[in-house]
Amino acid sequence: MKAKPPLSILLCAPRGFCAGVVRAIDVVEEALKKYGAPVYVRHEIVHNRFVVDSLKRKGAVFVDELDEIPDTDAPVIFSAHGVPKAVPQAADARRLFAIDATCPLVTKVHREAEIHHKRGRTIILVGHAGHPEVIGTMGQLPPGTVTLVETEVDVEKLEFAHGAPLAFVTQTTLSVDDTAAIVAALKQRFPEIVAPHKEDICYATTNRQEAVKHVAPLVEALIVVGSPNSSNSQRLREVAERAGCSKTALVLRSDEIDWSIFGDIRSLGITAGASAPEVLVEEIIEAFAQRFEVQVEQVSTADESVFFPLPRILRDEKAAV
């Protein structure tokens, strides 16, 4: 038998699930345990098809909008990305049993925006148009009171009167470097603009990008395990490219690996987006182990110990059992 070629795999750490994703998935699973199936979930609870499919098998029913849900006593869960205020209001009007699984770090951005609005400031949101988190954040306030910018060019196009009271917030899953450039452009154009008290880009996004920046220059290729509709996963791939790794790919499952690109490498970096479970990382490593003699080394750039408790309705029920 022909010997397998050697392959050194550098496994980025931290990677994979963040505290907000763990909490959101736990909300669905705990609701299924407490109340039984079905449990309705508005939008993907997190942006990962593998996770969504596994929850479907347990009895979760995913819908795009509340009007797809029949009149029911079953729980209706809002996804980790957050929702516009109109959504819980509509749920209340129908007397649906709503449980909010919004990541607490996204809720923090919502509260910041509301405070700025109450203080008479016009709000600029740095984010990606159409992303559920951006839709949710803009939907906290009346239409027209939040202006979205995606690039430095967008900043140049802004037309606010000199001295107008302004503040900015950001989507939590952006590229740290891209956002820093946009924020710098905002501060240059509007020196009095009010910044967040604490960075809006979440700790998990920052930590995963830092790990990739460290590993990417050391390997021939890098795979990000995650879904194509996951913003933080897409940003990880972009960060790897900028850090000097020319062969990069965003891959959800092992059958998506393009062996014409990854078949003759000798070193590989692997990370995972914040909504990608570790079992998929293991699946990718196993696929390479079938073709290569792999040696895996974990490269850790930060320790994470963040934990977010379940919503009180589920905590109280759990404590009573």
C-alpha atoms as a PDB file:
ATOM      1  CA  MET A   1       0.000   0.000   0.000  1.00  0.00           C
ATOM      2  CA  LYS A   2       1.286   3.426  -0.952  1.00  0.00           C
ATOM      3  CA  ALA A   3       2.233   5.543   2.043  1.00  0.00           C
ATOM      4  CA  LYS A   4       0.054   8.566   2.688  1.00  0.00           C
ATOM      5  CA  PRO A   5       1.773  11.935   2.320  1.00  0.00           C
ATOM      6  CA  PRO A   6       2.268  13.859   5.576  1.00  0.00           C
ATOM      7  CA  LEU A   7      -0.023  16.761   6.484  1.00  0.00           C
ATOM      8  CA  SER A   8       0.444  19.137   9.391  1.00  0.00           C
ATOM      9  CA  ILE A   9      -2.891  20.534  10.624  1.00  0.00           C
ATOM     10  CA  LEU A  10      -2.892  23.642  12.802  1.00  0.00           C
ATOM     11  CA  LEU A  11      -6.213  23.828  14.609  1.00  0.00           C
ATOM     12  CA  CYS A  12      -7.190  27.378  15.549  1.00  0.00           C
ATOM     13  CA  ALA A  13      -8.427  28.029  19.071  1.00  0.00           C
ATOM     14  CA  PRO A  14     -10.791  29.533  19.976  1.00  0.00           C
ATOM     15  CA  ARG A  15     -13.079  28.239  17.212  1.00  0.00           C
ATOM     16  CA  GLY A  16     -16.668  27.115  16.819  1.00  0.00           C
ATOM     17  CA  PHE A  17     -19.584  27.767  19.153  1.00  0.00           C
ATOM     18  CA  CYS A  18     -19.641  31.012  21.125  1.00  0.00           C
ATOM     19  CA  ALA A  19     -21.660  31.568  24.303  1.00  0.00           C
ATOM     20  CA  GLY A  20     -24.528  33.234  22.413  1.00  0.00           C
ATOM     21  CA  VAL A  21     -24.874  30.303  20.014  1.00  0.00           C
ATOM     22  CA  VAL A  22     -24.710  27.751  22.834  1.00  0.00           C
ATOM     23  CA  ARG A  23     -27.451  29.655  24.652  1.00  0.00           C
ATOM     24  CA  ALA A  24     -29.679  29.894  21.565  1.00  0.00           C
ATOM     25  CA  ILE A  25     -29.435  26.165  20.797  1.00  0.00           C
ATOM     26  CA  ASP A  26     -30.007  25.358  24.480  1.00  0.00           C
ATOM     27  CA  VAL A  27     -33.147  27.531  24.433  1.00  0.00           C
ATOM     28  CA  VAL A  28     -34.646  25.411  21.644  1.00  0.00           C
ATOM     29  CA  GLU A  29     -33.593  22.103  23.184  1.00  0.00           C
ATOM     30  CA  GLU A  30     -34.771  23.073  26.670  1.00  0.00           C
ATOM     31  CA  ALA A  31     -38.120  24.280  25.280  1.00  0.00           C
ATOM     32  CA  LEU A  32     -38.544  20.948  23.492  1.00  0.00           C
ATOM     33  CA  LYS A  33     -37.837  19.090  26.744  1.00  0.00           C
ATOM     34  CA  LYS A  34     -40.213  21.220  28.816  1.00  0.00           C
ATOM     35  CA  TYR A  35     -43.104  21.679  26.423  1.00  0.00           C
ATOM     36  CA  GLY A  36     -42.676  18.926  23.839  1.00  0.00           C
ATOM     37  CA  ALA A  37     -42.816  19.234  20.061  1.00  0.00           C
ATOM     38  CA  PRO A  38     -43.509  21.294  18.121  1.00  0.00           C
ATOM     39  CA  VAL A  39     -41.499  24.329  19.093  1.00  0.00           C
ATOM     40  CA  TYR A  40     -41.624  27.075  16.473  1.00  0.00           C
ATOM     41  CA  VAL A  41     -38.492  29.084  15.641  1.00  0.00           C
ATOM     42  CA  ARG A  42     -38.568  32.291  13.608  1.00  0.00           C
ATOM     43  CA  HIS A  43     -35.640  32.136  11.173  1.00  0.00           C
ATOM     44  CA  GLU A  44     -32.613  29.869  11.610  1.00  0.00           C
ATOM     45  CA  ILE A  45     -31.779  29.842  15.312  1.00  0.00           C
ATOM     46  CA  VAL A  46     -28.128  30.205  14.237  1.00  0.00           C
ATOM     47  CA  HIS A  47     -26.639  30.268  10.741  1.00  0.00           C
ATOM     48  CA  ASN A  48     -25.692  26.622  10.385  1.00  0.00           C
ATOM     49  CA  ARG A  49     -27.663  24.105   8.337  1.00  0.00           C
ATOM     50  CA  PHE A  50     -26.317  21.112  10.290  1.00  0.00           C
ATOM     51  CA  VAL A  51     -27.534  22.609  13.587  1.00  0.00           C
ATOM     52  CA  VAL A  52     -30.908  23.592  12.127  1.00  0.00           C
ATOM     53  CA  ASP A  53     -31.469  20.136  10.614  1.00  0.00           C
ATOM     54  CA  SER A  54     -30.610  18.406  13.903  1.00  0.00           C
ATOM     55  CA  LEU A  55     -33.125  20.598  15.757  1.00  0.00           C
ATOM     56  CA  LYS A  56     -35.758  19.862  13.114  1.00  0.00           C
ATOM     57  CA  ARG A  57     -35.340  16.164  13.811  1.00  0.00           C
ATOM     58  CA  LYS A  58     -36.025  16.851  17.492  1.00  0.00           C
ATOM     59  CA  GLY A  59     -39.270  18.674  16.722  1.00  0.00           C
ATOM     60  CA  ALA A  60     -38.368  22.295  16.003  1.00  0.00           C
ATOM     61  CA  VAL A  61     -40.343  23.924  13.181  1.00  0.00           C
ATOM     62  CA  PHE A  62     -38.535  26.785  11.452  1.00  0.00           C
ATOM     63  CA  VAL A  63     -40.535  29.580   9.812  1.00  0.00           C
ATOM     64  CA  ASP A  64     -39.655  32.812   8.074  1.00  0.00           C
ATOM     65  CA  GLU A  65     -42.459  34.878   9.591  1.00  0.00           C
ATOM     66  CA  LEU A  66     -44.949  34.603  12.447  1.00  0.00           C
ATOM     67  CA  ASP A  67     -47.942  34.393  10.099  1.00  0.00           C
ATOM     68  CA  GLU A  68     -46.759  30.902   9.124  1.00  0.00           C
ATOM     69  CA  ILE A  69     -47.419  29.751  12.705  1.00  0.00           C
ATOM     70  CA  PRO A  70     -50.956  28.535  13.506  1.00  0.00           C
ATOM     71  CA  ASP A  71     -52.763  29.708  16.636  1.00  0.00           C
ATOM     72  CA  THR A  72     -50.985  27.620  19.244  1.00  0.00           C
ATOM     73  CA  ASP A  73     -49.830  27.382  22.860  1.00  0.00           C
ATOM     74  CA  ALA A  74     -46.469  26.019  21.701  1.00  0.00           C
ATOM     75  CA  PRO A  75     -43.350  28.142  22.315  1.00  0.00           C
ATOM     76  CA  VAL A  76     -42.280  30.535  19.565  1.00  0.00           C
ATOM     77  CA  ILE A  77     -38.548  31.298  19.725  1.00  0.00           C
ATOM     78  CA  PHE A  78     -36.767  34.309  18.238  1.00  0.00           C
ATOM     79  CA  SER A  79     -33.299  33.579  16.821  1.00  0.00           C
ATOM     80  CA  ALA A  80     -29.909  34.567  18.251  1.00  0.00           C
ATOM     81  CA  HIS A  81     -29.578  37.387  15.700  1.00  0.00           C
ATOM     82  CA  GLY A  82     -32.362  39.457  17.266  1.00  0.00           C
ATOM     83  CA  VAL A  83     -35.610  40.733  15.771  1.00  0.00           C
ATOM     84  CA  PRO A  84     -37.245  44.101  15.059  1.00  0.00           C
ATOM     85  CA  LYS A  85     -39.588  45.323  17.810  1.00  0.00           C
ATOM     86  CA  ALA A  86     -42.542  44.717  15.502  1.00  0.00           C
ATOM     87  CA  VAL A  87     -42.022  40.942  15.821  1.00  0.00           C
ATOM     88  CA  PRO A  88     -42.579  40.536  19.591  1.00  0.00           C
ATOM     89  CA  GLN A  89     -45.402  43.082  19.315  1.00  0.00           C
ATOM     90  CA  ALA A  90     -47.063  40.904  16.673  1.00  0.00           C
ATOM     91  CA  ALA A  91     -46.524  37.827  18.861  1.00  0.00           C
ATOM     92  CA  ASP A  92     -48.132  39.615  21.821  1.00  0.00           C
ATOM     93  CA  ALA A  93     -51.100  40.645  19.678  1.00  0.00           C
ATOM     94  CA  ARG A  94     -51.683  36.976  18.837  1.00  0.00           C
ATOM     95  CA  ARG A  95     -50.982  35.884  22.431  1.00  0.00           C
ATOM     96  CA  LEU A  96     -48.224  33.584  21.280  1.00  0.00           C
ATOM     97  CA  PHE A  97     -45.881  32.128  23.910  1.00  0.00           C
ATOM     98  CA  ALA A  98     -42.691  33.895  22.791  1.00  0.00           C
ATOM     99  CA  ILE A  99     -39.192  33.131  24.078  1.00  0.00           C
ATOM    100  CA  ASP A 100     -36.364  35.440  23.012  1.00  0.00           C
ATOM    101  CA  ALA A 101     -33.048  33.697  22.249  1.00  0.00           C
ATOM    102  CA  THR A 102     -31.321  36.895  21.070  1.00  0.00           C
ATOM    103  CA  CYS A 103     -27.635  36.879  21.973  1.00  0.00           C
ATOM    104  CA  PRO A 104     -27.117  39.216  24.968  1.00  0.00           C
ATOM    105  CA  LEU A 105     -24.324  40.983  23.067  1.00  0.00           C
ATOM    106  CA  VAL A 106     -26.791  41.807  20.276  1.00  0.00           C
ATOM    107  CA  THR A 107     -29.309  42.992  22.875  1.00  0.00           C
ATOM    108  CA  LYS A 108     -26.562  45.296  24.201  1.00  0.00           C
ATOM    109  CA  VAL A 109     -26.342  46.946  20.757  1.00  0.00           C
ATOM    110  CA  HIS A 110     -30.147  47.314  20.675  1.00  0.00           C
ATOM    111  CA  ARG A 111     -30.126  49.065  24.065  1.00  0.00           C
ATOM    112  CA  GLU A 112     -27.270  51.354  23.000  1.00  0.00           C
ATOM    113  CA  ALA A 113     -29.212  52.410  19.902  1.00  0.00           C
ATOM    114  CA  GLU A 114     -32.316  53.125  21.977  1.00  0.00           C
ATOM    115  CA  ILE A 115     -30.362  55.256  24.448  1.00  0.00           C
ATOM    116  CA  HIS A 116     -28.773  57.291  21.646  1.00  0.00           C
ATOM    117  CA  HIS A 117     -32.203  57.822  20.096  1.00  0.00           C
ATOM    118  CA  LYS A 118     -33.668  59.014  23.404  1.00  0.00           C
ATOM    119  CA  ARG A 119     -30.802  61.487  23.709  1.00  0.00           C
ATOM    120  CA  GLY A 120     -31.602  62.945  20.318  1.00  0.00           C
ATOM    121  CA  ARG A 121     -28.707  61.470  18.383  1.00  0.00           C
ATOM    122  CA  THR A 122     -28.912  60.200  14.818  1.00  0.00           C
ATOM    123  CA  ILE A 123     -27.566  56.669  14.730  1.00  0.00           C
ATOM    124  CA  ILE A 124     -25.176  55.208  12.152  1.00  0.00           C
ATOM    125  CA  LEU A 125     -25.041  51.413  12.050  1.00  0.00           C
ATOM    126  CA  VAL A 126     -21.947  49.740  10.603  1.00  0.00           C
ATOM    127  CA  GLY A 127     -23.065  46.407   9.159  1.00  0.00           C
ATOM    128  CA  HIS A 128     -24.149  44.331   6.175  1.00  0.00           C
ATOM    129  CA  ALA A 129     -27.471  45.157   4.519  1.00  0.00           C
ATOM    130  CA  GLY A 130     -30.008  42.361   4.747  1.00  0.00           C
ATOM    131  CA  HIS A 131     -28.301  40.446   7.555  1.00  0.00           C
ATOM    132  CA  PRO A 132     -30.871  39.422  10.222  1.00  0.00           C
ATOM    133  CA  GLU A 133     -28.891  41.134  12.974  1.00  0.00           C
ATOM    134  CA  VAL A 134     -28.859  44.411  11.034  1.00  0.00           C
ATOM    135  CA  ILE A 135     -32.593  44.131  10.301  1.00  0.00           C
ATOM    136  CA  GLY A 136     -33.206  43.511  14.005  1.00  0.00           C
ATOM    137  CA  THR A 137     -31.078  46.432  15.172  1.00  0.00           C
ATOM    138  CA  MET A 138     -32.586  48.896  12.695  1.00  0.00           C
ATOM    139  CA  GLY A 139     -36.021  47.622  13.712  1.00  0.00           C
ATOM    140  CA  GLN A 140     -35.566  48.750  17.317  1.00  0.00           C
ATOM    141  CA  LEU A 141     -36.271  52.339  16.297  1.00  0.00           C
ATOM    142  CA  PRO A 142     -38.687  54.199  14.006  1.00  0.00           C
ATOM    143  CA  PRO A 143     -37.984  53.958  10.255  1.00  0.00           C
ATOM    144  CA  GLY A 144     -35.424  56.477   9.034  1.00  0.00           C
ATOM    145  CA  THR A 145     -33.705  57.014  12.384  1.00  0.00           C
ATOM    146  CA  VAL A 146     -30.849  54.557  11.747  1.00  0.00           C
ATOM    147  CA  THR A 147     -28.508  54.968   8.768  1.00  0.00           C
ATOM    148  CA  LEU A 148     -26.611  51.887   7.572  1.00  0.00           C
ATOM    149  CA  VAL A 149     -23.045  52.104   6.257  1.00  0.00           C
ATOM    150  CA  GLU A 150     -21.168  49.109   4.868  1.00  0.00           C
ATOM    151  CA  THR A 151     -17.942  50.691   3.579  1.00  0.00           C
ATOM    152  CA  GLU A 152     -15.690  53.726   3.892  1.00  0.00           C
ATOM    153  CA  VAL A 153     -17.210  54.949   0.610  1.00  0.00           C
ATOM    154  CA  ASP A 154     -20.626  54.924   2.296  1.00  0.00           C
ATOM    155  CA  VAL A 155     -19.185  57.127   5.038  1.00  0.00           C
ATOM    156  CA  GLU A 156     -18.019  59.666   2.455  1.00  0.00           C
ATOM    157  CA  LYS A 157     -21.559  59.840   1.062  1.00  0.00           C
ATOM    158  CA  LEU A 158     -23.173  60.688   4.400  1.00  0.00           C
ATOM    159  CA  GLU A 159     -24.816  64.091   4.526  1.00  0.00           C
ATOM    160  CA  PHE A 160     -25.332  65.368   8.047  1.00  0.00           C
ATOM    161  CA  ALA A 161     -25.304  68.989   9.093  1.00  0.00           C
ATOM    162  CA  HIS A 162     -22.141  70.224  10.790  1.00  0.00           C
ATOM    163  CA  GLY A 163     -22.465  69.648  14.523  1.00  0.00           C
ATOM    164  CA  ALA A 164     -25.460  67.312  14.193  1.00  0.00           C
ATOM    165  CA  PRO A 165     -25.605  64.929  17.196  1.00  0.00           C
ATOM    166  CA  LEU A 166     -24.422  61.523  15.914  1.00  0.00           C
ATOM    167  CA  ALA A 167     -23.609  58.117  17.385  1.00  0.00           C
ATOM    168  CA  PHE A 168     -22.581  54.801  15.876  1.00  0.00           C
ATOM    169  CA  VAL A 169     -23.096  51.140  16.704  1.00  0.00           C
ATOM    170  CA  THR A 170     -21.895  48.067  14.816  1.00  0.00           C
ATOM    171  CA  GLN A 171     -23.024  44.591  13.872  1.00  0.00           C
ATOM    172  CA  THR A 172     -21.385  42.113  16.257  1.00  0.00           C
ATOM    173  CA  THR A 173     -19.955  39.716  13.620  1.00  0.00           C
ATOM    174  CA  LEU A 174     -17.948  42.051  11.380  1.00  0.00           C
ATOM    175  CA  SER A 175     -14.300  41.945  10.403  1.00  0.00           C
ATOM    176  CA  VAL A 176     -12.396  43.743  13.152  1.00  0.00           C
ATOM    177  CA  ASP A 177     -10.018  45.364  10.639  1.00  0.00           C
ATOM    178  CA  ASP A 178     -12.729  46.430   8.183  1.00  0.00           C
ATOM    179  CA  THR A 179     -14.780  47.934  10.983  1.00  0.00           C
ATOM    180  CA  ALA A 180     -11.785  49.781  12.417  1.00  0.00           C
ATOM    181  CA  ALA A 181     -11.243  51.462   9.032  1.00  0.00           C
ATOM    182  CA  ILE A 182     -14.912  52.460   8.745  1.00  0.00           C
ATOM    183  CA  VAL A 183     -14.981  53.770  12.314  1.00  0.00           C
ATOM    184  CA  ALA A 184     -11.814  55.769  11.654  1.00  0.00           C
ATOM    185  CA  ALA A 185     -13.489  57.295   8.589  1.00  0.00           C
ATOM    186  CA  LEU A 186     -16.576  58.173  10.662  1.00  0.00           C
ATOM    187  CA  LYS A 187     -14.469  59.841  13.363  1.00  0.00           C
ATOM    188  CA  GLN A 188     -12.479  61.772  10.777  1.00  0.00           C
ATOM    189  CA  ARG A 189     -15.610  63.138   9.102  1.00  0.00           C
ATOM    190  CA  PHE A 190     -17.581  63.613  12.331  1.00  0.00           C
ATOM    191  CA  PRO A 191     -15.116  64.210  15.202  1.00  0.00           C
ATOM    192  CA  GLU A 192     -17.919  64.608  17.768  1.00  0.00           C
ATOM    193  CA  ILE A 193     -19.598  61.276  16.933  1.00  0.00           C
ATOM    194  CA  VAL A 194     -20.358  59.191  20.040  1.00  0.00           C
ATOM    195  CA  ALA A 195     -18.800  55.722  20.090  1.00  0.00           C
ATOM    196  CA  PRO A 196     -20.027  52.641  21.999  1.00  0.00           C
ATOM    197  CA  HIS A 197     -18.912  52.480  25.643  1.00  0.00           C
ATOM    198  CA  LYS A 198     -17.451  49.086  24.829  1.00  0.00           C
ATOM    199  CA  GLU A 199     -16.613  47.518  21.456  1.00  0.00           C
ATOM    200  CA  ASP A 200     -19.762  46.166  19.756  1.00  0.00           C
ATOM    201  CA  ILE A 201     -17.949  43.440  17.807  1.00  0.00           C
ATOM    202  CA  CYS A 202     -18.307  40.469  20.108  1.00  0.00           C
ATOM    203  CA  TYR A 203     -15.451  38.789  21.948  1.00  0.00           C
ATOM    204  CA  ALA A 204     -15.922  35.542  19.990  1.00  0.00           C
ATOM    205  CA  THR A 205     -15.677  37.243  16.595  1.00  0.00           C
ATOM    206  CA  THR A 206     -12.518  39.067  17.686  1.00  0.00           C
ATOM    207  CA  ASN A 207     -10.879  35.991  19.227  1.00  0.00           C
ATOM    208  CA  ARG A 208     -11.559  33.750  16.214  1.00  0.00           C
ATOM    209  CA  GLN A 209     -10.184  36.344  13.813  1.00  0.00           C
ATOM    210  CA  GLU A 210      -7.034  36.789  15.924  1.00  0.00           C
ATOM    211  CA  ALA A 211      -6.416  33.028  15.920  1.00  0.00           C
ATOM    212  CA  VAL A 212      -6.758  32.927  12.126  1.00  0.00           C
ATOM    213  CA  LYS A 213      -4.366  35.870  11.724  1.00  0.00           C
ATOM    214  CA  HIS A 214      -1.792  33.911  13.733  1.00  0.00           C
ATOM    215  CA  VAL A 215      -2.189  30.608  11.869  1.00  0.00           C
ATOM    216  CA  ALA A 216      -2.819  31.744   8.271  1.00  0.00           C
ATOM    217  CA  PRO A 217       0.795  32.828   7.489  1.00  0.00           C
ATOM    218  CA  LEU A 218       2.076  29.461   8.778  1.00  0.00           C
ATOM    219  CA  VAL A 219       0.089  27.184   6.423  1.00  0.00           C
ATOM    220  CA  GLU A 220      -0.402  26.579   2.693  1.00  0.00           C
ATOM    221  CA  ALA A 221      -4.184  26.452   2.977  1.00  0.00           C
ATOM    222  CA  LEU A 222      -6.936  27.172   5.486  1.00  0.00           C
ATOM    223  CA  ILE A 223     -10.481  25.866   5.832  1.00  0.00           C
ATOM    224  CA  VAL A 224     -13.226  27.670   7.730  1.00  0.00           C
ATOM    225  CA  VAL A 225     -15.915  25.235   8.841  1.00  0.00           C
ATOM    226  CA  GLY A 226     -19.259  27.007   8.586  1.00  0.00           C
ATOM    227  CA  SER A 227     -22.273  27.939   6.509  1.00  0.00           C
ATOM    228  CA  PRO A 228     -22.124  30.364   3.567  1.00  0.00           C
ATOM    229  CA  ASN A 229     -24.843  32.538   5.152  1.00  0.00           C
ATOM    230  CA  SER A 230     -22.826  32.908   8.365  1.00  0.00           C
ATOM    231  CA  SER A 231     -21.355  36.418   8.510  1.00  0.00           C
ATOM    232  CA  ASN A 232     -18.667  35.608  11.064  1.00  0.00           C
ATOM    233  CA  SER A 233     -17.585  32.535   9.047  1.00  0.00           C
ATOM    234  CA  GLN A 234     -17.266  34.567   5.840  1.00  0.00           C
ATOM    235  CA  ARG A 235     -15.189  37.142   7.710  1.00  0.00           C
ATOM    236  CA  LEU A 236     -12.826  34.408   8.963  1.00  0.00           C
ATOM    237  CA  ARG A 237     -12.131  33.324   5.386  1.00  0.00           C
ATOM    238  CA  GLU A 238     -11.433  36.932   4.359  1.00  0.00           C
ATOM    239  CA  VAL A 239      -9.131  37.419   7.352  1.00  0.00           C
ATOM    240  CA  ALA A 240      -7.145  34.303   6.351  1.00  0.00           C
ATOM    241  CA  GLU A 241      -6.665  35.617   2.813  1.00  0.00           C
ATOM    242  CA  ARG A 242      -5.489  39.009   4.043  1.00  0.00           C
ATOM    243  CA  ALA A 243      -3.098  37.358   6.482  1.00  0.00           C
ATOM    244  CA  GLY A 244      -1.296  35.706   3.586  1.00  0.00           C
ATOM    245  CA  CYS A 245      -3.021  32.372   2.987  1.00  0.00           C
ATOM    246  CA  SER A 246      -3.929  32.170  -0.717  1.00  0.00           C
ATOM    247  CA  LYS A 247      -5.846  28.869  -0.573  1.00  0.00           C
ATOM    248  CA  THR A 248      -8.927  29.354   1.607  1.00  0.00           C
ATOM    249  CA  ALA A 249     -12.403  27.884   1.582  1.00  0.00           C
ATOM    250  CA  LEU A 250     -15.607  28.042   3.601  1.00  0.00           C
ATOM    251  CA  VAL A 251     -16.814  24.446   3.972  1.00  0.00           C
ATOM    252  CA  LEU A 252     -19.800  23.078   5.885  1.00  0.00           C
ATOM    253  CA  ARG A 253     -19.288  19.324   5.411  1.00  0.00           C
ATOM    254  CA  SER A 254     -16.437  17.089   4.265  1.00  0.00           C
ATOM    255  CA  ASP A 255     -18.122  16.304   0.943  1.00  0.00           C
ATOM    256  CA  GLU A 256     -17.680  19.981  -0.019  1.00  0.00           C
ATOM    257  CA  ILE A 257     -13.871  19.856   0.101  1.00  0.00           C
ATOM    258  CA  ASP A 258     -12.376  20.624  -3.317  1.00  0.00           C
ATOM    259  CA  TRP A 259      -9.528  18.110  -3.520  1.00  0.00           C
ATOM    260  CA  SER A 260      -8.167  19.810  -6.643  1.00  0.00           C
ATOM    261  CA  ILE A 261      -7.229  22.657  -4.299  1.00  0.00           C
ATOM    262  CA  PHE A 262      -6.517  20.778  -1.061  1.00  0.00           C
ATOM    263  CA  GLY A 263      -5.202  17.468  -2.418  1.00  0.00           C
ATOM    264  CA  ASP A 264      -1.476  18.248  -2.568  1.00  0.00           C
ATOM    265  CA  ILE A 265      -0.817  20.503   0.425  1.00  0.00           C
ATOM    266  CA  ARG A 266       1.529  19.714   3.324  1.00  0.00           C
ATOM    267  CA  SER A 267       0.169  22.160   5.896  1.00  0.00           C
ATOM    268  CA  LEU A 268      -3.423  23.170   6.663  1.00  0.00           C
ATOM    269  CA  GLY A 269      -5.123  25.524   9.080  1.00  0.00           C
ATOM    270  CA  ILE A 270      -8.648  24.765  10.283  1.00  0.00           C
ATOM    271  CA  THR A 271     -11.044  26.999  12.182  1.00  0.00           C
ATOM    272  CA  ALA A 272     -14.811  27.131  12.606  1.00  0.00           C
ATOM    273  CA  GLY A 273     -17.347  29.920  12.644  1.00  0.00           C
ATOM    274  CA  ALA A 274     -19.175  30.721  15.875  1.00  0.00           C
ATOM    275  CA  SER A 275     -22.243  28.741  14.771  1.00  0.00           C
ATOM    276  CA  ALA A 276     -20.380  25.603  13.615  1.00  0.00           C
ATOM    277  CA  PRO A 277     -20.347  22.566  15.954  1.00  0.00           C
ATOM    278  CA  GLU A 278     -17.087  20.786  16.764  1.00  0.00           C
ATOM    279  CA  VAL A 279     -18.394  17.538  15.250  1.00  0.00           C
ATOM    280  CA  LEU A 280     -18.077  19.146  11.804  1.00  0.00           C
ATOM    281  CA  VAL A 281     -14.447  20.101  12.502  1.00  0.00           C
ATOM    282  CA  GLU A 282     -13.780  16.473  13.416  1.00  0.00           C
ATOM    283  CA  GLU A 283     -15.478  15.354  10.197  1.00  0.00           C
ATOM    284  CA  ILE A 284     -13.206  17.603   8.125  1.00  0.00           C
ATOM    285  CA  ILE A 285     -10.081  16.341   9.921  1.00  0.00           C
ATOM    286  CA  GLU A 286     -11.177  12.746   9.325  1.00  0.00           C
ATOM    287  CA  ALA A 287     -11.609  13.435   5.604  1.00  0.00           C
ATOM    288  CA  PHE A 288      -8.000  14.628   5.427  1.00  0.00           C
ATOM    289  CA  ALA A 289      -6.839  11.684   7.557  1.00  0.00           C
ATOM    290  CA  GLN A 290      -8.158   9.316   4.891  1.00  0.00           C
ATOM    291  CA  ARG A 291      -5.803  10.891   2.329  1.00  0.00           C
ATOM    292  CA  PHE A 292      -2.900  12.070   4.472  1.00  0.00           C
ATOM    293  CA  GLU A 293      -0.867  11.021   7.482  1.00  0.00           C
ATOM    294  CA  VAL A 294      -2.105  13.881   9.641  1.00  0.00           C
ATOM    295  CA  GLN A 295      -0.467  15.470  12.631  1.00  0.00           C
ATOM    296  CA  VAL A 296      -2.790  17.840  14.474  1.00  0.00           C
ATOM    297  CA  GLU A 297      -1.568  20.672  16.671  1.00  0.00           C
ATOM    298  CA  GLN A 298      -3.881  23.156  18.388  1.00  0.00           C
ATOM    299  CA  VAL A 299      -2.783  26.794  18.308  1.00  0.00           C
ATOM    300  CA  SER A 300      -4.512  28.779  21.049  1.00  0.00           C
ATOM    301  CA  THR A 301      -4.458  32.569  21.159  1.00  0.00           C
ATOM    302  CA  ALA A 302      -7.118  33.210  23.839  1.00  0.00           C
ATOM    303  CA  ASP A 303      -9.087  31.457  26.578  1.00  0.00           C
ATOM    304  CA  GLU A 304     -12.860  31.819  26.600  1.00  0.00           C
ATOM    305  CA  SER A 305     -15.013  31.344  29.692  1.00  0.00           C
ATOM    306  CA  VAL A 306     -18.060  33.447  28.776  1.00  0.00           C
ATOM    307  CA  PHE A 307     -21.430  31.943  29.722  1.00  0.00           C
ATOM    308  CA  PHE A 308     -24.918  33.335  29.154  1.00  0.00           C
ATOM    309  CA  PRO A 309     -27.788  31.896  31.247  1.00  0.00           C
ATOM    310  CA  LEU A 310     -31.025  30.752  29.661  1.00  0.00           C
ATOM    311  CA  PRO A 311     -34.027  33.120  29.580  1.00  0.00           C
ATOM    312  CA  ARG A 312     -35.689  33.217  32.999  1.00  0.00           C
ATOM    313  CA  ILE A 313     -38.809  31.342  31.852  1.00  0.00           C
ATOM    314  CA  LEU A 314     -36.662  28.302  31.075  1.00  0.00           C
ATOM    315  CA  ARG A 315     -34.377  28.710  34.113  1.00  0.00           C
ATOM    316  CA  ASP A 316     -37.332  28.877  36.511  1.00  0.00           C
ATOM    317  CA  GLU A 317     -39.016  25.886  34.932  1.00  0.00           C
ATOM    318  CA  LYS A 318     -35.749  23.974  35.041  1.00  0.00           C
ATOM    319  CA  ALA A 319     -35.188  24.785  38.699  1.00  0.00           C
ATOM    320  CA  ALA A 320     -38.683  23.615  39.585  1.00  0.00           C
ATOM    321  CA  VAL A 321     -38.223  20.165  38.013  1.00  0.00           C
END
